[in-house]
């Protein structure tokens, strides 16, 4: 029985509905940490990527990170044990000995293909000893002669130890020859002492098996007769009483094991669900299966007390509402962000780097410089793309001189023309043809809280108003569903024209029009074929222009 020791990785992950900066910052920072720390840092993502991000990853030949939907504690985060699976033909006696040797109360019964066949617990074995069974139980259980030999510490004199005792009853022959002949039927298993005349009388009835007690050798005539009728002949040094008492311990565990309604779990099951299930049953140990339903280990109730939380580094966010599900159950080690301080709390002090820059990847690049780590072409391309995306090629009011300076350096390292690469990115991000309306709306969507109001803001960017106008009607029809699906009070959608540096603001929900009108009082409400919306000239930043204005307006409304 081996205890599984796992190397604990650290996941570097951005926010839900990830934008290009969220993905690129996670990859670049994980790459940096792997070079400066002795650890295993793996970039992950909290949702599907946009076409813009996909273009960036493909351009610089970087693998898309795995999607993580929940970082809650799972079975795989437990320090569980690998109790070796046993064969269903194993005898009760041997199973009991294994339990004592391994100091366990449950054994998993596993087929040769790795699939779980059942479980046997020490209580099952105890009941098998205590319950009264008739003398045909050994045959009904299809007991292998090999088990009988092992249980009685016996020796096979003749016959096939791999054959099975399947018919007849177990008889202890204690009378004279005439009594024996009357008591024994064909196919019985007979236990008797070392009296040759009685042994020959037993063989006249053609039993399946004869066990001679108190000896290791049998008279040659008895052996010859047994061979002639294909009777299995076994000797044991135990006396007849002891052999009769022990023989039912040779029954295979499959006869008593639990085969139906086994409570098992997969490695990926979350402990919140596991606790709910095991609270309704009285079992002590539970099998663990992999994704192919193969047995891999066991855990007990006490293992639930020794779980290890997933370890995370958050980039490009520090709001709980934007974090991957299950964040309360994870251990946050670091936060690298460029937004306002949010609602996340940690149990211990952590490394928290928050800077008023236009892009999180600008911060990450600075950390490469501070640690004197060379930025390769791939990482340069990713961080450059993130800056272009977040600052809309320096058009956003969130953009700083530092963002521009870093972008120029990264463009040289990546070997790309900054303007050409930016236009190619924006064109890729403006391709909505293959996406459903919910994929378009949620590709860059964040939820915020102000007082008792929960609201969400989606931003969809394109290089022309024509591309945005094509999807505006469908978005306005879809937005009421967002309120219900996300459980929020108001929803807003920014349709941002990158080249014109303007935004059409769509709104839905109670008081959403009043809030929007109050937030942008100097901007006109326009009538479009799809309905009314606000036309916001020189407004392109959700973080710096839209969210603060909406929050101030909500306070007044």
Protein backbone atom coordinates (compact mmCIF):
# COMPACT_ATOMS: atom_id res chain seq x y z
CA UNK A 1 0.00 0.00 0.00
CA UNK A 2 1.66 3.17 -1.22
CA UNK A 3 0.78 6.69 -0.21
CA UNK A 4 0.58 8.84 -3.31
CA UNK A 5 2.90 11.85 -3.05
CA UNK A 6 2.17 14.49 -5.65
CA UNK A 7 4.27 17.46 -6.65
CA UNK A 8 2.11 20.51 -6.04
CA UNK A 9 2.02 22.86 -9.01
CA UNK A 10 1.09 26.52 -8.93
CA UNK A 11 -1.49 27.65 -11.47
CA UNK A 12 -1.13 31.13 -12.93
CA UNK A 13 -4.59 32.19 -14.06
CA UNK A 14 -6.48 35.26 -15.21
CA UNK A 15 -10.13 36.21 -14.90
CA UNK A 16 -13.28 34.64 -16.30
CA UNK A 17 -14.14 35.53 -19.90
CA UNK A 18 -10.43 36.10 -20.48
CA UNK A 19 -9.16 38.83 -22.78
CA UNK A 20 -5.78 38.79 -24.50
CA UNK A 21 -3.96 40.39 -21.55
CA UNK A 22 -5.40 37.84 -19.11
CA UNK A 23 -4.08 34.95 -21.20
CA UNK A 24 -0.73 36.44 -22.22
CA UNK A 25 0.09 37.73 -18.73
CA UNK A 26 -0.57 34.26 -17.27
CA UNK A 27 1.70 32.55 -19.80
CA UNK A 28 4.49 35.15 -19.54
CA UNK A 29 4.44 35.26 -15.74
CA UNK A 30 4.44 31.46 -15.41
CA UNK A 31 7.45 31.40 -17.75
CA UNK A 32 9.24 33.97 -15.57
CA UNK A 33 8.47 32.16 -12.30
CA UNK A 34 9.78 28.87 -13.68
CA UNK A 35 13.11 30.58 -14.36
CA UNK A 36 13.53 32.39 -11.05
CA UNK A 37 11.84 30.01 -8.57
CA UNK A 38 12.21 26.34 -7.75
CA UNK A 39 8.64 25.36 -8.53
CA UNK A 40 6.23 24.17 -11.17
CA UNK A 41 4.25 27.13 -12.51
CA UNK A 42 1.59 26.32 -15.09
CA UNK A 43 -0.50 28.88 -17.01
CA UNK A 44 -4.24 28.21 -17.05
CA UNK A 45 -7.29 30.05 -18.30
CA UNK A 46 -10.74 30.54 -16.76
CA UNK A 47 -12.77 30.36 -19.95
CA UNK A 48 -12.67 30.19 -23.76
CA UNK A 49 -10.41 32.59 -25.61
CA UNK A 50 -11.42 35.21 -28.16
CA UNK A 51 -10.49 35.10 -31.84
CA UNK A 52 -8.04 37.93 -31.19
CA UNK A 53 -6.26 35.90 -28.52
CA UNK A 54 -6.30 32.80 -30.71
CA UNK A 55 -4.62 34.78 -33.48
CA UNK A 56 -1.91 35.96 -31.07
CA UNK A 57 -1.18 32.45 -29.76
CA UNK A 58 -1.03 31.01 -33.27
CA UNK A 59 1.16 33.86 -34.56
CA UNK A 60 3.79 33.26 -31.87
CA UNK A 61 3.36 29.47 -31.80
CA UNK A 62 2.28 29.24 -28.18
CA UNK A 63 0.03 26.46 -26.88
CA UNK A 64 -3.34 27.54 -25.56
CA UNK A 65 -3.54 27.01 -21.76
CA UNK A 66 -5.93 24.47 -20.32
CA UNK A 67 -9.31 25.76 -19.20
CA UNK A 68 -10.04 25.54 -15.47
CA UNK A 69 -13.66 26.11 -14.51
CA UNK A 70 -13.39 25.51 -10.78
CA UNK A 71 -10.45 25.57 -8.36
CA UNK A 72 -12.34 23.99 -5.47
CA UNK A 73 -10.64 21.18 -3.59
CA UNK A 74 -10.99 17.84 -5.36
CA UNK A 75 -10.35 14.21 -4.51
CA UNK A 76 -7.02 14.47 -6.32
CA UNK A 77 -5.96 17.10 -3.76
CA UNK A 78 -6.19 14.57 -0.93
CA UNK A 79 -3.27 12.59 0.41
CA UNK A 80 -5.01 9.30 -0.36
CA UNK A 81 -3.49 5.83 -0.43
CA UNK A 82 -3.12 3.28 -3.19
CA UNK A 83 -4.41 0.11 -1.60
CA UNK A 84 -3.48 -2.60 -4.09
CA UNK A 85 -6.49 -4.18 -5.76
CA UNK A 86 -7.09 -7.88 -5.12
CA UNK A 87 -8.54 -10.64 -7.28
CA UNK A 88 -12.11 -11.77 -6.66
CA UNK A 89 -10.91 -15.37 -6.29
CA UNK A 90 -8.90 -14.48 -3.18
CA UNK A 91 -9.97 -16.48 -0.13
CA UNK A 92 -11.59 -14.90 2.91
CA UNK A 93 -8.66 -16.04 5.03
CA UNK A 94 -6.07 -14.47 2.77
CA UNK A 95 -8.11 -11.25 2.52
CA UNK A 96 -8.24 -11.04 6.31
CA UNK A 97 -4.49 -11.58 6.54
CA UNK A 98 -3.91 -8.83 3.95
CA UNK A 99 -6.09 -6.40 5.88
CA UNK A 100 -4.12 -7.01 9.07
CA UNK A 101 -0.78 -6.71 7.27
CA UNK A 102 -1.75 -3.47 5.50
CA UNK A 103 -3.69 -2.10 8.49
CA UNK A 104 -6.83 -1.44 6.43
CA UNK A 105 -10.45 -2.46 6.83
CA UNK A 106 -11.39 -2.39 3.14
CA UNK A 107 -9.93 -4.09 0.09
CA UNK A 108 -10.82 -3.10 -3.47
CA UNK A 109 -11.58 -6.04 -5.74
CA UNK A 110 -10.20 -5.22 -9.19
CA UNK A 111 -10.38 -7.04 -12.51
CA UNK A 112 -7.34 -7.61 -14.69
CA UNK A 113 -8.40 -4.73 -16.94
CA UNK A 114 -8.22 -2.34 -13.99
CA UNK A 115 -11.97 -1.95 -13.52
CA UNK A 116 -13.41 -2.03 -9.99
CA UNK A 117 -15.40 -5.22 -9.44
CA UNK A 118 -16.38 -4.75 -5.80
CA UNK A 119 -15.17 -4.05 -2.28
CA UNK A 120 -14.78 -6.35 0.71
CA UNK A 121 -14.64 -4.95 4.25
CA UNK A 122 -13.60 -6.65 7.46
CA UNK A 123 -17.24 -6.69 8.55
CA UNK A 124 -18.13 -8.87 5.55
CA UNK A 125 -15.51 -11.39 6.63
CA UNK A 126 -16.64 -11.29 10.25
CA UNK A 127 -20.23 -11.95 9.21
CA UNK A 128 -19.10 -14.88 7.08
CA UNK A 129 -17.57 -16.46 10.19
CA UNK A 130 -20.49 -15.73 12.48
CA UNK A 131 -23.45 -16.51 10.25
CA UNK A 132 -24.67 -20.10 10.03
CA UNK A 133 -24.28 -21.53 6.54
CA UNK A 134 -25.42 -24.96 5.36
CA UNK A 135 -22.96 -27.54 4.13
CA UNK A 136 -23.50 -26.63 0.47
CA UNK A 137 -22.19 -23.04 0.81
CA UNK A 138 -18.68 -23.96 -0.36
CA UNK A 139 -20.03 -25.33 -3.65
CA UNK A 140 -22.45 -22.48 -4.23
CA UNK A 141 -19.54 -20.07 -3.86
CA UNK A 142 -17.58 -21.94 -6.61
CA UNK A 143 -14.52 -22.32 -4.41
CA UNK A 144 -11.20 -23.02 -6.10
CA UNK A 145 -9.24 -25.98 -4.76
CA UNK A 146 -6.19 -23.75 -4.62
CA UNK A 147 -7.99 -21.66 -1.97
CA UNK A 148 -8.81 -24.76 0.04
CA UNK A 149 -5.18 -25.92 -0.04
CA UNK A 150 -3.93 -22.48 1.09
CA UNK A 151 -6.53 -22.21 3.86
CA UNK A 152 -5.75 -25.65 5.28
CA UNK A 153 -2.00 -25.33 4.72
CA UNK A 154 -2.46 -28.51 2.73
CA UNK A 155 -0.86 -30.37 -0.16
CA UNK A 156 -2.33 -31.44 -3.46
CA UNK A 157 -1.80 -35.20 -3.89
CA UNK A 158 -3.69 -35.53 -7.15
CA UNK A 159 -6.08 -33.42 -9.21
CA UNK A 160 -6.08 -29.86 -10.57
CA UNK A 161 -5.69 -27.11 -7.96
CA UNK A 162 -7.11 -24.55 -10.39
CA UNK A 163 -10.39 -26.43 -10.72
CA UNK A 164 -13.46 -25.45 -8.70
CA UNK A 165 -15.68 -27.22 -6.20
CA UNK A 166 -19.11 -26.36 -7.56
CA UNK A 167 -21.56 -29.10 -6.57
CA UNK A 168 -22.28 -31.24 -3.58
CA UNK A 169 -21.99 -30.69 0.14
CA UNK A 170 -19.18 -30.69 2.70
CA UNK A 171 -19.18 -33.87 4.83
CA UNK A 172 -17.05 -34.84 7.82
CA UNK A 173 -16.89 -38.65 7.63
CA UNK A 174 -16.67 -39.94 11.20
CA UNK A 175 -18.62 -43.22 11.18
CA UNK A 176 -17.81 -46.72 9.91
CA UNK A 177 -17.70 -47.65 6.25
CA UNK A 178 -21.43 -48.42 6.02
CA UNK A 179 -22.40 -45.11 7.64
CA UNK A 180 -20.03 -43.29 5.31
CA UNK A 181 -21.59 -44.88 2.21
CA UNK A 182 -25.06 -43.83 3.33
CA UNK A 183 -24.00 -40.27 4.20
CA UNK A 184 -21.98 -39.41 1.11
CA UNK A 185 -23.33 -38.55 -2.34
CA UNK A 186 -21.47 -38.11 -5.59
CA UNK A 187 -19.67 -34.77 -6.03
CA UNK A 188 -19.42 -34.16 -2.25
CA UNK A 189 -16.30 -32.83 -0.53
CA UNK A 190 -15.36 -35.21 2.26
CA UNK A 191 -13.11 -34.54 5.27
CA UNK A 192 -11.85 -37.58 7.18
CA UNK A 193 -8.92 -38.98 9.14
CA UNK A 194 -6.13 -41.30 8.03
CA UNK A 195 -8.03 -44.61 7.96
CA UNK A 196 -7.48 -46.34 4.63
CA UNK A 197 -10.65 -48.49 4.74
CA UNK A 198 -12.80 -45.39 5.31
CA UNK A 199 -10.97 -43.51 2.58
CA UNK A 200 -11.64 -46.29 0.09
CA UNK A 201 -15.29 -46.43 1.18
CA UNK A 202 -15.58 -42.68 0.50
CA UNK A 203 -14.04 -43.06 -2.97
CA UNK A 204 -16.65 -45.71 -3.84
CA UNK A 205 -19.24 -42.89 -3.82
CA UNK A 206 -17.18 -40.82 -6.34
CA UNK A 207 -16.80 -37.55 -4.44
CA UNK A 208 -15.41 -34.40 -6.06
CA UNK A 209 -12.76 -33.99 -3.39
CA UNK A 210 -11.42 -35.87 -0.41
CA UNK A 211 -9.37 -34.16 2.30
CA UNK A 212 -7.32 -36.49 4.52
CA UNK A 213 -6.45 -34.85 7.86
CA UNK A 214 -3.53 -35.29 10.24
CA UNK A 215 -1.06 -36.50 7.57
CA UNK A 216 1.09 -35.37 4.67
CA UNK A 217 1.17 -38.72 2.80
CA UNK A 218 -1.64 -41.05 1.70
CA UNK A 219 -1.68 -44.80 1.02
CA UNK A 220 -0.71 -45.47 -2.65
CA UNK A 221 -3.86 -47.54 -3.22
CA UNK A 222 -5.99 -44.58 -2.13
CA UNK A 223 -4.08 -42.26 -4.47
CA UNK A 224 -4.49 -44.68 -7.37
CA UNK A 225 -8.23 -45.00 -6.76
CA UNK A 226 -8.68 -41.22 -6.49
CA UNK A 227 -6.83 -40.67 -9.76
CA UNK A 228 -8.98 -43.26 -11.49
CA UNK A 229 -12.23 -41.41 -10.65
CA UNK A 230 -10.79 -37.85 -11.10
CA UNK A 231 -11.21 -37.09 -7.42
CA UNK A 232 -9.14 -34.20 -6.05
CA UNK A 233 -7.07 -35.56 -3.15
CA UNK A 234 -5.66 -33.14 -0.54
CA UNK A 235 -3.78 -33.73 2.68
CA UNK A 236 -3.47 -31.41 5.69
CA UNK A 237 -1.76 -31.69 9.02
CA UNK A 238 -4.78 -30.14 10.72
CA UNK A 239 -7.17 -32.55 12.46
CA UNK A 240 -10.67 -33.07 11.07
CA UNK A 241 -12.33 -30.67 13.54
CA UNK A 242 -9.94 -27.83 12.68
CA UNK A 243 -10.15 -28.51 8.94
CA UNK A 244 -13.95 -28.43 9.09
CA UNK A 245 -13.87 -25.18 11.05
CA UNK A 246 -11.45 -23.49 8.65
CA UNK A 247 -12.71 -24.70 5.29
CA UNK A 248 -15.37 -22.00 4.82
CA UNK A 249 -12.55 -19.42 5.04
CA UNK A 250 -11.46 -20.69 1.61
CA UNK A 251 -14.63 -19.25 0.03
CA UNK A 252 -13.67 -16.57 -2.53
CA UNK A 253 -14.32 -12.98 -1.51
CA UNK A 254 -16.49 -12.40 -4.57
CA UNK A 255 -19.20 -14.41 -2.79
CA UNK A 256 -19.41 -11.89 0.07
CA UNK A 257 -18.09 -8.66 -1.45
CA UNK A 258 -20.28 -5.67 -2.21
CA UNK A 259 -20.84 -5.54 -5.98
CA UNK A 260 -23.86 -3.28 -6.37
CA UNK A 261 -24.38 0.37 -5.43
CA UNK A 262 -20.70 0.86 -4.61
CA UNK A 263 -20.06 4.42 -3.44
CA UNK A 264 -17.01 5.47 -5.44
CA UNK A 265 -15.61 8.79 -6.63
CA UNK A 266 -13.48 10.11 -9.44
CA UNK A 267 -10.27 12.06 -8.89
CA UNK A 268 -11.92 15.14 -10.34
CA UNK A 269 -14.94 15.13 -7.97
CA UNK A 270 -15.13 18.15 -5.69
CA UNK A 271 -14.99 17.55 -1.94
CA UNK A 272 -18.07 19.68 -1.34
CA UNK A 273 -20.03 17.06 -3.29
CA UNK A 274 -18.08 14.16 -1.75
CA UNK A 275 -18.89 15.25 1.80
CA UNK A 276 -22.56 15.48 0.94
CA UNK A 277 -22.61 11.93 -0.44
CA UNK A 278 -20.60 10.20 2.28
CA UNK A 279 -22.66 11.94 4.95
CA UNK A 280 -25.55 9.71 3.90
CA UNK A 281 -23.73 6.37 4.15
CA UNK A 282 -21.90 4.51 6.90
CA UNK A 283 -18.93 3.29 4.90
CA UNK A 284 -15.46 4.11 6.13
CA UNK A 285 -13.44 3.81 2.92
CA UNK A 286 -14.24 4.76 -0.66
CA UNK A 287 -12.64 3.73 -3.98
CA UNK A 288 -11.25 6.35 -6.36
CA UNK A 289 -11.56 5.91 -10.12
CA UNK A 290 -9.88 7.71 -12.99
CA UNK A 291 -11.63 9.22 -16.00
CA UNK A 292 -11.76 5.76 -17.64
CA UNK A 293 -13.34 4.24 -14.53
CA UNK A 294 -10.16 2.36 -13.64
CA UNK A 295 -9.39 1.89 -9.95
CA UNK A 296 -6.51 4.06 -8.70
CA UNK A 297 -6.78 4.31 -4.91
CA UNK A 298 -8.83 4.54 -1.72
CA UNK A 299 -9.61 7.30 0.72
CA UNK A 300 -11.16 7.27 4.17
CA UNK A 301 -13.13 9.89 6.03
CA UNK A 302 -10.01 10.98 7.86
CA UNK A 303 -8.30 11.76 4.54
CA UNK A 304 -10.79 14.61 4.17
CA UNK A 305 -8.96 16.32 7.02
CA UNK A 306 -5.61 16.30 5.18
CA UNK A 307 -6.51 17.94 1.89
CA UNK A 308 -4.30 20.51 0.23
CA UNK A 309 -5.78 23.55 -1.46
CA UNK A 310 -4.91 24.38 -5.03
CA UNK A 311 -2.23 27.06 -5.19
CA UNK A 312 -2.86 30.03 -7.46
CA UNK A 313 -1.29 33.20 -8.74
CA UNK A 314 -3.92 35.60 -10.06
CA UNK A 315 -3.11 37.95 -12.91
CA UNK A 316 -5.13 40.81 -14.42
CA UNK A 317 -7.84 40.78 -11.71
CA UNK A 318 -8.45 40.87 -7.98
CA UNK A 319 -12.27 40.89 -7.87
CA UNK A 320 -13.92 37.77 -6.47
CA UNK A 321 -16.77 38.04 -8.98
CA UNK A 322 -14.27 37.86 -11.85
CA UNK A 323 -12.22 35.01 -10.40
CA UNK A 324 -12.55 31.38 -11.37
CA UNK A 325 -15.22 29.44 -9.45
CA UNK A 326 -14.15 27.88 -6.16
CA UNK A 327 -11.66 30.66 -5.40
CA UNK A 328 -12.63 30.60 -1.70
CA UNK A 329 -11.24 27.06 -1.44
CA UNK A 330 -7.92 27.88 -3.12
CA UNK A 331 -4.69 29.24 -1.68
CA UNK A 332 -3.79 32.50 -3.38
CA UNK A 333 -0.02 33.05 -3.37
CA UNK A 334 0.30 36.20 -5.44
CA UNK A 335 -1.75 38.78 -7.32
CA UNK A 336 -0.39 40.80 -10.26
CA UNK A 337 -2.92 43.37 -11.45
CA UNK A 338 -3.52 46.87 -12.82
CA UNK A 339 -7.15 47.39 -11.72
CA UNK A 340 -8.66 48.94 -8.60
CA UNK A 341 -8.40 46.95 -5.38
CA UNK A 342 -11.27 44.48 -5.32
CA UNK A 343 -13.04 42.13 -2.95
CA UNK A 344 -10.69 39.15 -2.73
CA UNK A 345 -9.46 38.20 0.74
CA UNK A 346 -6.63 35.89 1.76
CA UNK A 347 -5.86 34.04 4.99
CA UNK A 348 -2.22 35.10 5.01
CA UNK A 349 -0.21 38.07 3.68
CA UNK A 350 0.70 37.57 0.03
CA UNK A 351 2.79 39.20 -2.68
CA UNK A 352 0.42 41.75 -4.25
CA UNK A 353 1.71 43.92 -7.08
CA UNK A 354 -0.79 46.49 -8.31
CA UNK A 355 0.25 49.33 -10.60
CA UNK A 356 -1.71 52.05 -12.44
CA UNK A 357 -0.72 50.93 -15.92
CA UNK A 358 -2.72 50.21 -19.04
CA UNK A 359 -1.89 46.50 -19.13
CA UNK A 360 -0.99 43.73 -16.70
CA UNK A 361 1.64 42.41 -19.10
CA UNK A 362 3.48 45.73 -18.78
CA UNK A 363 3.93 44.90 -15.09
CA UNK A 364 5.09 41.38 -15.95
CA UNK A 365 7.69 42.73 -18.38
CA UNK A 366 9.03 44.96 -15.62
CA UNK A 367 9.49 41.91 -13.43
CA UNK A 368 11.55 40.26 -16.19
CA UNK A 369 13.77 43.34 -16.13
CA UNK A 370 14.04 43.38 -12.32
CA UNK A 371 15.11 39.73 -12.27
CA UNK A 372 17.50 40.17 -15.23
CA UNK A 373 15.72 37.44 -17.21
CA UNK A 374 15.96 37.59 -21.00
CA UNK A 375 12.64 37.91 -22.82
CA UNK A 376 12.49 35.51 -25.77
CA UNK A 377 10.63 36.12 -29.02
CA UNK A 378 7.51 34.22 -27.95
CA UNK A 379 7.10 35.97 -24.61
CA UNK A 380 7.82 39.34 -26.23
CA UNK A 381 5.13 38.71 -28.83
CA UNK A 382 2.58 37.74 -26.17
CA UNK A 383 3.23 40.72 -23.88
CA UNK A 384 3.28 43.14 -26.83
CA UNK A 385 -0.07 41.77 -28.04
CA UNK A 386 -1.53 42.16 -24.57
CA UNK A 387 -0.49 45.84 -24.42
CA UNK A 388 -1.92 46.49 -27.89
CA UNK A 389 -5.19 44.83 -26.93
CA UNK A 390 -5.64 46.47 -23.53
CA UNK A 391 -4.68 49.97 -24.67
CA UNK A 392 -6.29 49.69 -28.13
CA UNK A 393 -2.90 50.52 -29.59
CA UNK A 394 -2.33 53.39 -27.14
CA UNK A 395 -5.76 54.97 -27.86
CA UNK A 396 -7.24 54.11 -24.47
CA UNK A 397 -7.02 56.71 -21.67
CA UNK A 398 -5.65 53.95 -19.45
CA UNK A 399 -2.49 53.84 -21.58
CA UNK A 400 0.63 55.29 -19.96
CA UNK A 401 4.02 56.28 -21.27
CA UNK A 402 5.39 53.16 -19.63
CA UNK A 403 3.02 50.99 -21.71
CA UNK A 404 4.21 52.69 -24.92
CA UNK A 405 7.87 52.37 -23.95
CA UNK A 406 7.55 48.66 -23.14
CA UNK A 407 5.54 47.97 -26.33
CA UNK A 408 8.28 49.51 -28.47
CA UNK A 409 10.93 47.34 -26.79
CA UNK A 410 8.84 44.17 -27.14
CA UNK A 411 8.09 44.85 -30.82
CA UNK A 412 11.83 44.87 -31.55
CA UNK A 413 12.40 41.62 -29.65
CA UNK A 414 9.40 39.95 -31.31
CA UNK A 415 10.49 41.19 -34.72
CA UNK A 416 7.09 42.56 -35.74
CA UNK A 417 5.80 45.87 -37.07
CA UNK A 418 3.72 47.28 -34.24
CA UNK A 419 1.01 48.90 -36.41
CA UNK A 420 0.66 45.94 -38.79
CA UNK A 421 0.45 43.44 -35.96
CA UNK A 422 -2.14 45.54 -34.14
CA UNK A 423 -4.38 45.80 -37.23
CA UNK A 424 -4.13 42.04 -37.81
CA UNK A 425 -5.11 41.40 -34.18
CA UNK A 426 -8.08 43.77 -34.34
CA UNK A 427 -9.27 42.26 -37.62
CA UNK A 428 -9.13 38.78 -36.09
CA UNK A 429 -11.06 39.99 -33.06
CA UNK A 430 -13.69 41.61 -35.30
CA UNK A 431 -14.53 38.32 -36.99
CA UNK A 432 -17.84 37.36 -35.40
CA UNK A 433 -19.02 35.07 -38.20
CA UNK A 434 -18.43 31.70 -36.55
CA UNK A 435 -19.54 32.68 -33.04
CA UNK A 436 -22.91 32.46 -31.32
CA UNK A 437 -24.30 35.63 -29.78
CA UNK A 438 -23.60 34.42 -26.23
CA UNK A 439 -19.98 33.64 -27.17
CA UNK A 440 -19.62 37.15 -28.57
CA UNK A 441 -21.21 38.80 -25.51
CA UNK A 442 -19.26 36.84 -22.92
CA UNK A 443 -15.85 36.88 -24.62
CA UNK A 444 -14.93 39.93 -22.50
CA UNK A 445 -17.54 40.23 -19.76
CA UNK A 446 -17.01 41.24 -16.13
CA UNK A 447 -19.34 41.53 -13.15
CA UNK A 448 -19.12 44.38 -10.65
CA UNK A 449 -20.88 45.32 -7.41
CA UNK A 450 -22.00 48.72 -6.15
CA UNK A 451 -23.99 48.77 -2.93
CA UNK A 452 -26.87 46.37 -3.45
CA UNK A 453 -26.58 46.46 -7.23
CA UNK A 454 -24.85 43.72 -9.17
CA UNK A 455 -24.09 44.65 -12.77
CA UNK A 456 -22.12 43.26 -15.67
CA UNK A 457 -20.32 45.01 -18.51
CA UNK A 458 -19.34 43.35 -21.78
CA UNK A 459 -16.95 45.01 -24.21
CA UNK A 460 -16.89 44.04 -27.87
CA UNK A 461 -14.34 45.78 -30.07
CA UNK A 462 -14.01 45.99 -33.85
CA UNK A 463 -12.19 48.09 -36.41
CA UNK A 464 -15.39 49.39 -38.05
CA UNK A 465 -18.94 50.33 -37.10
CA UNK A 466 -20.26 48.06 -39.83
CA UNK A 467 -19.06 44.93 -38.03
CA UNK A 468 -20.58 46.09 -34.74
CA UNK A 469 -23.92 47.09 -36.27
CA UNK A 470 -24.40 43.57 -37.65
CA UNK A 471 -24.52 42.08 -34.16
CA UNK A 472 -26.14 44.96 -32.24
CA UNK A 473 -29.73 43.77 -32.69
CA UNK A 474 -28.97 40.23 -31.59
CA UNK A 475 -27.09 41.54 -28.58
CA UNK A 476 -30.01 43.71 -27.46
CA UNK A 477 -32.35 40.70 -27.72
CA UNK A 478 -29.89 38.52 -25.79
CA UNK A 479 -29.11 40.89 -22.91
CA UNK A 480 -32.33 40.30 -20.87
CA UNK A 481 -31.33 36.63 -20.71
CA UNK A 482 -27.96 37.66 -19.25
CA UNK A 483 -29.75 39.19 -16.26
CA UNK A 484 -31.47 35.89 -15.51
CA UNK A 485 -28.52 33.61 -16.24
CA UNK A 486 -26.00 35.62 -14.19
CA UNK A 487 -28.41 36.72 -11.45
CA UNK A 488 -27.52 40.42 -11.87
CA UNK A 489 -29.63 43.57 -11.82
CA UNK A 490 -28.24 45.42 -14.82
CA UNK A 491 -26.23 44.55 -17.92
CA UNK A 492 -24.33 46.87 -20.23
CA UNK A 493 -22.57 46.21 -23.51
CA UNK A 494 -19.85 48.43 -24.97
CA UNK A 495 -19.62 48.25 -28.77
CA UNK A 496 -16.23 49.90 -29.25
CA UNK A 497 -14.99 51.17 -32.59
CA UNK A 498 -11.23 51.01 -32.22
CA UNK A 499 -10.32 53.34 -35.06
CA UNK A 500 -12.99 55.98 -34.32
CA UNK A 501 -12.32 55.70 -30.57
CA UNK A 502 -16.05 55.64 -29.85
CA UNK A 503 -18.48 53.35 -28.08
CA UNK A 504 -22.15 52.55 -28.40
CA UNK A 505 -23.45 51.66 -24.93
CA UNK A 506 -26.36 49.19 -24.76
CA UNK A 507 -28.21 48.74 -21.48
CA UNK A 508 -30.87 46.52 -19.91
CA UNK A 509 -32.29 46.06 -16.42
CA UNK A 510 -34.10 48.13 -13.81
CA UNK A 511 -32.87 51.76 -13.81
CA UNK A 512 -30.13 50.86 -16.32
CA UNK A 513 -31.18 53.65 -18.72
CA UNK A 514 -31.26 56.21 -15.91
CA UNK A 515 -27.86 55.07 -14.67
CA UNK A 516 -26.34 55.21 -18.17
CA UNK A 517 -27.85 58.63 -18.91
CA UNK A 518 -26.60 59.96 -15.59
CA UNK A 519 -23.13 58.50 -16.12
CA UNK A 520 -22.76 60.06 -19.57
CA UNK A 521 -24.98 63.12 -19.41
CA UNK A 522 -23.08 64.95 -22.11
CA UNK A 523 -23.49 62.18 -24.68
CA UNK A 524 -26.55 61.71 -26.91
CA UNK A 525 -29.00 58.83 -26.83
CA UNK A 526 -29.44 57.74 -30.42
CA UNK A 527 -32.08 55.72 -32.24
CA UNK A 528 -30.76 52.79 -34.27
CA UNK A 529 -32.61 50.11 -36.27
CA UNK A 530 -32.08 47.82 -33.29
CA UNK A 531 -33.24 50.26 -30.62
CA UNK A 532 -31.92 53.08 -28.47
CA UNK A 533 -28.38 53.31 -27.11
CA UNK A 534 -25.91 55.94 -25.95
CA UNK A 535 -23.28 57.19 -28.37
CA UNK A 536 -20.07 57.83 -26.44
CA UNK A 537 -17.44 59.70 -28.39
CA UNK A 538 -13.83 59.29 -27.15
CA UNK A 539 -14.89 56.56 -24.71
CA UNK A 540 -13.05 53.25 -25.18
CA UNK A 541 -11.94 52.15 -21.69
CA UNK A 542 -14.21 50.07 -19.53
CA UNK A 543 -11.86 50.26 -16.56
CA UNK A 544 -11.11 53.98 -16.55
CA UNK A 545 -14.11 55.60 -18.26
CA UNK A 546 -17.20 53.39 -18.08
CA UNK A 547 -17.09 51.59 -14.72
CA UNK A 548 -16.25 54.66 -12.56
CA UNK A 549 -18.95 56.70 -14.32
CA UNK A 550 -21.60 54.00 -13.87
CA UNK A 551 -20.75 53.58 -10.18
CA UNK A 552 -21.00 57.33 -9.52
CA UNK A 553 -24.35 57.43 -11.30
CA UNK A 554 -25.65 54.46 -9.31
CA UNK A 555 -24.81 56.26 -6.09
CA UNK A 556 -26.94 59.19 -7.21
CA UNK A 557 -29.81 57.12 -8.61
